[in-house]
């Protein structure tokens, strides 16, 4: 007897809508089992994980700070995946955007002007977009697998950051710590109010609105959807698949680069060996939980930001390893993909 997946004649619209909800519920159930196995009260652990981050003004601000880069990157990845373009290297594009944008305050530390911040943001966007164009070029020119090339470039960007931050860009007055000089004045992202929330949150909302309009109301959005659904039909309509690949990669890289420069010019205030705690990889989950829809990505980004805060909370209050957060996120992605698979296919037991 063997198990076989057979495509359903028609996909259930209701189940497609409920798939993320079912995956989240299953993740919570498995998480409760995991906490019991670790010897903790599952109710207390899940409360700390998902409810406590929303119980104070400070924690809500931190959720917003963490949600902004996830939403920015997730929106770009959603466009890629809609076009069947598999960009897995957003973490590297984020790092490269941070590197290129941070070069201005590092090389011109005394330059204080609104133009400095504008130039940092533009260079961050350009750095991420151009770095993302590399796997797009390799795919279009040599048919290289973009999953492998984009993923391998993550390590190139991170090693370049490590080399610079321990060498030419290291702060001479930083007691030999691997970090750049502190950014000051117009080299920092302006905050919104008195807390740590900065205008990067507004960039995330703007990205959601603009990309939602592009995907739903413009010819370019229609082209992306058609090429992703049926490349052959797209070619008959005059749509160029290579152009779509390059556009999607560069849009995704630009948003990841913007998230990167907002991180180093916002919460961090300097370049460090690690620009983000893995936002580029977590945003893959954000894109799928959001059903590859910019509006859905917004809510998914908030959910995953809560999981980051909750993961830090259980580490402090219960002494659980930080790997717990990664386990939760991994289970969520696995269950999302499993639910999507079962929506499109049915499992049949066939005699061998």
Protein backbone atom coordinates (compact mmCIF):
# COMPACT_ATOMS: atom_id res chain seq x y z
CA UNK A 1 0.00 0.00 0.00
CA UNK A 2 1.30 3.45 -0.89
CA UNK A 3 0.09 6.98 -0.23
CA UNK A 4 -0.52 9.13 -3.28
CA UNK A 5 -1.40 12.81 -3.64
CA UNK A 6 -4.10 13.43 -6.25
CA UNK A 7 -5.02 16.91 -7.41
CA UNK A 8 -8.54 17.98 -6.45
CA UNK A 9 -10.82 19.00 -9.30
CA UNK A 10 -11.73 22.22 -7.48
CA UNK A 11 -10.06 24.00 -4.56
CA UNK A 12 -12.28 25.00 -1.63
CA UNK A 13 -12.37 28.80 -1.30
CA UNK A 14 -13.46 28.56 2.33
CA UNK A 15 -10.62 26.22 3.27
CA UNK A 16 -8.11 28.41 1.43
CA UNK A 17 -9.24 31.30 3.64
CA UNK A 18 -9.22 29.23 6.84
CA UNK A 19 -5.88 27.55 6.15
CA UNK A 20 -3.74 30.07 8.12
CA UNK A 21 -6.21 29.93 11.03
CA UNK A 22 -6.06 26.15 11.16
CA UNK A 23 -2.26 26.21 10.92
CA UNK A 24 -2.00 28.71 13.79
CA UNK A 25 -4.39 26.64 15.93
CA UNK A 26 -2.39 23.48 15.23
CA UNK A 27 0.84 25.33 16.06
CA UNK A 28 -0.60 26.40 19.43
CA UNK A 29 -1.69 22.83 20.18
CA UNK A 30 1.73 21.40 19.30
CA UNK A 31 3.38 24.21 21.24
CA UNK A 32 1.36 23.28 24.33
CA UNK A 33 2.52 19.66 23.96
CA UNK A 34 6.12 20.87 23.61
CA UNK A 35 5.91 22.96 26.80
CA UNK A 36 4.43 20.02 28.72
CA UNK A 37 7.31 17.83 27.51
CA UNK A 38 9.75 20.48 28.73
CA UNK A 39 8.09 20.49 32.16
CA UNK A 40 6.34 23.88 31.98
CA UNK A 41 2.73 24.91 32.43
CA UNK A 42 1.46 25.24 28.82
CA UNK A 43 -1.16 27.83 29.72
CA UNK A 44 1.39 30.11 31.38
CA UNK A 45 3.94 29.63 28.63
CA UNK A 46 1.47 30.37 25.82
CA UNK A 47 0.17 33.41 27.73
CA UNK A 48 3.71 34.80 28.01
CA UNK A 49 4.32 33.93 24.38
CA UNK A 50 1.27 35.45 22.69
CA UNK A 51 -0.70 37.62 25.16
CA UNK A 52 1.85 39.32 27.40
CA UNK A 53 3.49 41.24 24.49
CA UNK A 54 0.21 43.15 24.11
CA UNK A 55 -0.30 44.08 27.77
CA UNK A 56 1.88 47.21 28.04
CA UNK A 57 2.68 50.29 25.97
CA UNK A 58 6.38 49.44 25.90
CA UNK A 59 5.83 45.90 24.63
CA UNK A 60 3.37 47.08 21.97
CA UNK A 61 5.96 49.59 20.74
CA UNK A 62 8.53 46.79 20.54
CA UNK A 63 6.07 44.67 18.57
CA UNK A 64 5.69 47.53 16.08
CA UNK A 65 9.49 47.94 15.83
CA UNK A 66 9.87 44.23 15.02
CA UNK A 67 6.82 44.08 12.73
CA UNK A 68 7.98 46.90 10.43
CA UNK A 69 10.94 45.05 8.81
CA UNK A 70 8.96 41.79 8.66
CA UNK A 71 6.15 43.54 6.77
CA UNK A 72 8.54 45.37 4.43
CA UNK A 73 10.37 42.19 3.48
CA UNK A 74 7.24 40.02 3.48
CA UNK A 75 5.45 42.29 1.00
CA UNK A 76 8.35 42.00 -1.45
CA UNK A 77 8.59 38.24 -1.05
CA UNK A 78 4.83 37.90 -1.57
CA UNK A 79 5.21 39.54 -5.00
CA UNK A 80 8.08 37.17 -5.85
CA UNK A 81 6.22 34.04 -4.80
CA UNK A 82 3.09 35.12 -6.66
CA UNK A 83 5.21 35.19 -9.81
CA UNK A 84 6.70 31.76 -8.97
CA UNK A 85 10.07 33.43 -8.34
CA UNK A 86 11.67 31.92 -5.25
CA UNK A 87 13.75 34.54 -3.51
CA UNK A 88 15.16 32.93 -0.36
CA UNK A 89 17.95 35.49 0.10
CA UNK A 90 16.12 38.45 1.62
CA UNK A 91 18.38 38.25 4.68
CA UNK A 92 21.40 38.93 2.49
CA UNK A 93 19.62 41.75 0.66
CA UNK A 94 18.71 43.29 4.02
CA UNK A 95 22.36 43.07 5.11
CA UNK A 96 23.62 44.59 1.87
CA UNK A 97 21.13 47.45 2.10
CA UNK A 98 22.34 48.16 5.63
CA UNK A 99 25.99 48.06 4.49
CA UNK A 100 25.58 50.38 1.51
CA UNK A 101 23.34 52.84 3.36
CA UNK A 102 25.60 52.94 6.43
CA UNK A 103 28.64 53.84 4.33
CA UNK A 104 27.56 57.50 4.36
CA UNK A 105 27.82 58.14 8.14
CA UNK A 106 30.91 55.92 8.37
CA UNK A 107 32.86 57.81 5.70
CA UNK A 108 31.33 61.23 6.48
CA UNK A 109 30.68 61.13 10.25
CA UNK A 110 30.48 64.93 10.62
CA UNK A 111 27.98 65.49 7.80
CA UNK A 112 24.69 66.55 9.40
CA UNK A 113 21.86 67.42 7.03
CA UNK A 114 18.44 66.05 6.06
CA UNK A 115 20.14 65.05 2.81
CA UNK A 116 22.24 62.54 4.77
CA UNK A 117 19.21 60.53 5.88
CA UNK A 118 17.63 60.71 2.41
CA UNK A 119 20.85 59.50 0.80
CA UNK A 120 21.19 56.68 3.35
CA UNK A 121 17.67 55.46 2.58
CA UNK A 122 18.19 55.69 -1.19
CA UNK A 123 21.49 53.83 -1.00
CA UNK A 124 19.95 51.19 1.26
CA UNK A 125 17.17 50.59 -1.27
CA UNK A 126 19.66 50.54 -4.17
CA UNK A 127 22.03 48.18 -2.35
CA UNK A 128 19.30 45.63 -1.66
CA UNK A 129 17.85 45.89 -5.18
CA UNK A 130 21.20 45.49 -6.96
CA UNK A 131 22.24 42.59 -4.74
CA UNK A 132 18.90 40.89 -5.53
CA UNK A 133 19.50 41.44 -9.23
CA UNK A 134 22.42 38.96 -9.11
CA UNK A 135 20.31 35.78 -8.72
CA UNK A 136 17.78 37.25 -11.18
CA UNK A 137 20.55 37.68 -13.79
CA UNK A 138 21.89 34.18 -13.12
CA UNK A 139 18.42 32.70 -13.54
CA UNK A 140 17.64 34.62 -16.73
CA UNK A 141 21.06 34.16 -18.34
CA UNK A 142 22.14 30.69 -17.21
CA UNK A 143 18.89 29.16 -15.87
CA UNK A 144 20.54 28.89 -12.44
CA UNK A 145 18.25 27.85 -9.61
CA UNK A 146 17.34 31.08 -7.81
CA UNK A 147 16.69 29.26 -4.53
CA UNK A 148 20.33 28.19 -4.30
CA UNK A 149 21.91 31.36 -5.65
CA UNK A 150 19.87 33.75 -3.51
CA UNK A 151 20.46 31.63 -0.40
CA UNK A 152 24.22 31.37 -0.97
CA UNK A 153 24.47 35.14 -1.44
CA UNK A 154 23.16 35.54 2.13
CA UNK A 155 26.47 34.17 3.40
CA UNK A 156 28.41 36.42 1.02
CA UNK A 157 26.67 39.50 2.44
CA UNK A 158 27.07 38.40 6.07
CA UNK A 159 30.75 37.57 5.64
CA UNK A 160 31.34 40.91 3.92
CA UNK A 161 29.66 42.66 6.87
CA UNK A 162 31.77 40.71 9.34
CA UNK A 163 34.98 41.51 7.43
CA UNK A 164 34.26 45.25 7.30
CA UNK A 165 33.02 45.56 10.87
CA UNK A 166 36.13 43.83 12.22
CA UNK A 167 38.43 45.71 9.88
CA UNK A 168 38.18 48.99 8.02
CA UNK A 169 34.82 50.05 9.49
CA UNK A 170 35.50 49.19 13.12
CA UNK A 171 35.13 52.06 15.56
CA UNK A 172 38.67 53.07 16.63
CA UNK A 173 37.29 54.20 19.98
CA UNK A 174 35.10 51.13 20.47
CA UNK A 175 37.50 49.20 22.73
CA UNK A 176 38.15 46.68 19.93
CA UNK A 177 34.49 45.56 19.78
CA UNK A 178 33.29 44.60 16.27
CA UNK A 179 31.01 47.56 15.66
CA UNK A 180 31.00 50.79 13.69
CA UNK A 181 30.88 54.32 15.06
CA UNK A 182 27.57 55.43 16.56
CA UNK A 183 25.32 57.36 14.19
CA UNK A 184 24.06 60.73 15.37
CA UNK A 185 21.57 63.45 14.46
CA UNK A 186 20.35 63.26 10.88
CA UNK A 187 22.10 59.91 10.48
CA UNK A 188 19.32 58.32 12.55
CA UNK A 189 15.71 57.53 11.57
CA UNK A 190 13.37 60.04 13.27
CA UNK A 191 11.19 58.44 15.98
CA UNK A 192 7.41 58.67 16.10
CA UNK A 193 6.79 60.06 19.58
CA UNK A 194 8.86 59.37 22.66
CA UNK A 195 9.40 55.61 22.25
CA UNK A 196 11.47 53.48 19.89
CA UNK A 197 8.89 53.39 17.09
CA UNK A 198 10.32 55.23 14.07
CA UNK A 199 9.18 56.19 10.58
CA UNK A 200 10.14 52.75 9.34
CA UNK A 201 6.67 51.70 10.52
CA UNK A 202 5.19 54.25 8.09
CA UNK A 203 7.37 52.86 5.30
CA UNK A 204 5.91 49.41 6.00
CA UNK A 205 2.32 50.69 5.80
CA UNK A 206 3.12 52.60 2.60
CA UNK A 207 4.65 49.46 1.06
CA UNK A 208 1.50 47.47 1.87
CA UNK A 209 -0.76 50.08 0.27
CA UNK A 210 1.36 50.65 -2.85
CA UNK A 211 1.99 46.96 -3.56
CA UNK A 212 -1.66 46.06 -2.92
CA UNK A 213 -2.69 48.70 -5.46
CA UNK A 214 -0.04 47.50 -7.93
CA UNK A 215 -1.06 43.85 -7.68
CA UNK A 216 -4.80 44.52 -7.85
CA UNK A 217 -5.17 47.55 -10.13
CA UNK A 218 -2.26 47.75 -12.56
CA UNK A 219 -1.08 45.92 -15.66
CA UNK A 220 2.21 45.04 -13.96
CA UNK A 221 0.35 43.26 -11.16
CA UNK A 222 -1.76 41.38 -13.70
CA UNK A 223 1.40 40.43 -15.59
CA UNK A 224 2.99 39.06 -12.39
CA UNK A 225 -0.09 36.99 -11.55
CA UNK A 226 -0.43 35.58 -15.08
CA UNK A 227 3.26 34.66 -15.40
CA UNK A 228 3.16 33.03 -11.97
CA UNK A 229 0.03 31.03 -12.75
CA UNK A 230 0.77 30.06 -16.36
CA UNK A 231 4.04 31.18 -17.97
CA UNK A 232 2.90 29.78 -21.34
CA UNK A 233 -0.28 31.83 -21.29
CA UNK A 234 1.78 34.86 -20.28
CA UNK A 235 4.09 34.41 -23.26
CA UNK A 236 1.10 34.28 -25.61
CA UNK A 237 -0.12 37.55 -24.05
CA UNK A 238 3.22 39.18 -24.75
CA UNK A 239 4.46 39.13 -21.15
CA UNK A 240 8.20 38.53 -20.80
CA UNK A 241 9.02 36.07 -18.04
CA UNK A 242 12.64 37.25 -17.69
CA UNK A 243 11.50 40.82 -17.17
CA UNK A 244 9.08 39.68 -14.46
CA UNK A 245 11.86 37.73 -12.72
CA UNK A 246 14.15 40.77 -12.66
CA UNK A 247 11.39 43.13 -11.52
CA UNK A 248 10.23 40.87 -8.69
CA UNK A 249 13.75 40.25 -7.43
CA UNK A 250 14.68 43.92 -7.49
CA UNK A 251 11.42 45.02 -5.83
CA UNK A 252 11.88 42.43 -3.11
CA UNK A 253 15.54 43.37 -2.66
CA UNK A 254 14.71 47.08 -2.53
CA UNK A 255 12.21 46.57 0.29
CA UNK A 256 14.63 44.28 2.15
CA UNK A 257 17.40 46.88 1.74
CA UNK A 258 15.08 49.57 3.09
CA UNK A 259 14.35 47.37 6.10
CA UNK A 260 18.09 46.89 6.60
CA UNK A 261 19.03 50.56 6.61
CA UNK A 262 16.06 51.33 8.87
CA UNK A 263 17.40 48.76 11.34
CA UNK A 264 20.92 50.16 11.56
CA UNK A 265 19.78 53.80 11.49
CA UNK A 266 16.93 53.09 13.90
CA UNK A 267 17.00 50.64 16.82
CA UNK A 268 20.70 49.72 16.45
CA UNK A 269 22.17 53.14 15.70
CA UNK A 270 25.32 51.52 14.26
CA UNK A 271 26.56 48.56 12.26
CA UNK A 272 27.07 45.37 14.27
CA UNK A 273 28.03 41.81 13.23
CA UNK A 274 24.34 40.92 12.97
CA UNK A 275 21.98 43.44 11.41
CA UNK A 276 18.79 41.50 12.18
CA UNK A 277 17.73 38.44 14.20
CA UNK A 278 16.79 36.61 10.99
CA UNK A 279 14.02 38.89 9.69
CA UNK A 280 14.80 37.90 6.09
CA UNK A 281 14.08 34.23 6.76
CA UNK A 282 11.10 34.84 9.06
CA UNK A 283 9.54 37.03 6.36
CA UNK A 284 9.17 33.90 4.22
CA UNK A 285 6.72 32.62 6.84
CA UNK A 286 5.08 36.06 6.93
CA UNK A 287 4.49 35.96 3.17
CA UNK A 288 2.85 32.52 3.25
CA UNK A 289 0.80 33.14 6.40
CA UNK A 290 -0.44 36.33 4.70
CA UNK A 291 -1.54 34.24 1.68
CA UNK A 292 0.82 36.24 -0.58
CA UNK A 293 -1.51 39.20 -0.17
CA UNK A 294 -0.04 42.54 1.01
CA UNK A 295 -2.92 43.13 3.43
CA UNK A 296 -2.57 39.61 4.82
CA UNK A 297 1.20 40.13 5.09
CA UNK A 298 0.56 43.12 7.34
CA UNK A 299 -1.36 41.06 9.90
CA UNK A 300 1.04 38.11 9.56
CA UNK A 301 3.97 40.44 10.23
CA UNK A 302 2.35 41.62 13.46
CA UNK A 303 1.72 38.00 14.49
CA UNK A 304 5.33 36.97 13.92
CA UNK A 305 6.56 40.10 15.71
CA UNK A 306 4.48 39.02 18.71
CA UNK A 307 6.18 35.61 18.52
CA UNK A 308 9.59 37.32 18.64
CA UNK A 309 8.57 39.28 21.75
CA UNK A 310 6.99 36.22 23.32
CA UNK A 311 10.10 34.17 22.62
CA UNK A 312 12.20 36.73 24.50
CA UNK A 313 9.64 36.71 27.32
CA UNK A 314 9.74 32.94 27.89
CA UNK A 315 13.54 33.05 27.83
CA UNK A 316 13.57 35.60 30.65
CA UNK A 317 10.65 34.36 32.76
CA UNK A 318 10.87 30.58 32.25
CA UNK A 319 14.49 30.12 31.25
CA UNK A 320 13.62 28.45 27.94
CA UNK A 321 16.16 28.42 25.12
CA UNK A 322 15.87 30.96 22.30
CA UNK A 323 15.55 27.99 19.92
CA UNK A 324 11.93 27.70 21.09
CA UNK A 325 11.01 30.73 18.99
CA UNK A 326 12.57 29.14 15.92
CA UNK A 327 10.72 25.88 16.62
CA UNK A 328 7.41 27.76 16.78
CA UNK A 329 8.11 29.57 13.52
CA UNK A 330 9.24 26.36 11.83
CA UNK A 331 6.10 24.50 12.94
CA UNK A 332 3.94 27.36 11.69
CA UNK A 333 5.56 27.34 8.22
CA UNK A 334 5.38 23.54 8.00
CA UNK A 335 1.69 23.48 8.94
CA UNK A 336 0.86 26.34 6.56
CA UNK A 337 2.45 24.43 3.67
CA UNK A 338 0.76 21.19 4.79
CA UNK A 339 -2.67 22.86 4.87
CA UNK A 340 -2.08 24.42 1.45
CA UNK A 341 -1.07 21.04 0.06
CA UNK A 342 -4.19 19.34 1.40
CA UNK A 343 -6.36 22.10 -0.07
CA UNK A 344 -5.02 21.36 -3.55
CA UNK A 345 -4.54 17.61 -3.20
CA UNK A 346 -6.23 14.68 -1.49
CA UNK A 347 -4.37 11.76 0.03
CA UNK A 348 -5.33 8.36 -1.34
CA UNK A 349 -4.23 4.93 -0.22
CA UNK A 350 -3.38 2.90 -3.31
CA UNK A 351 -2.48 -0.78 -3.53
CA UNK A 352 1.07 -1.29 -4.68
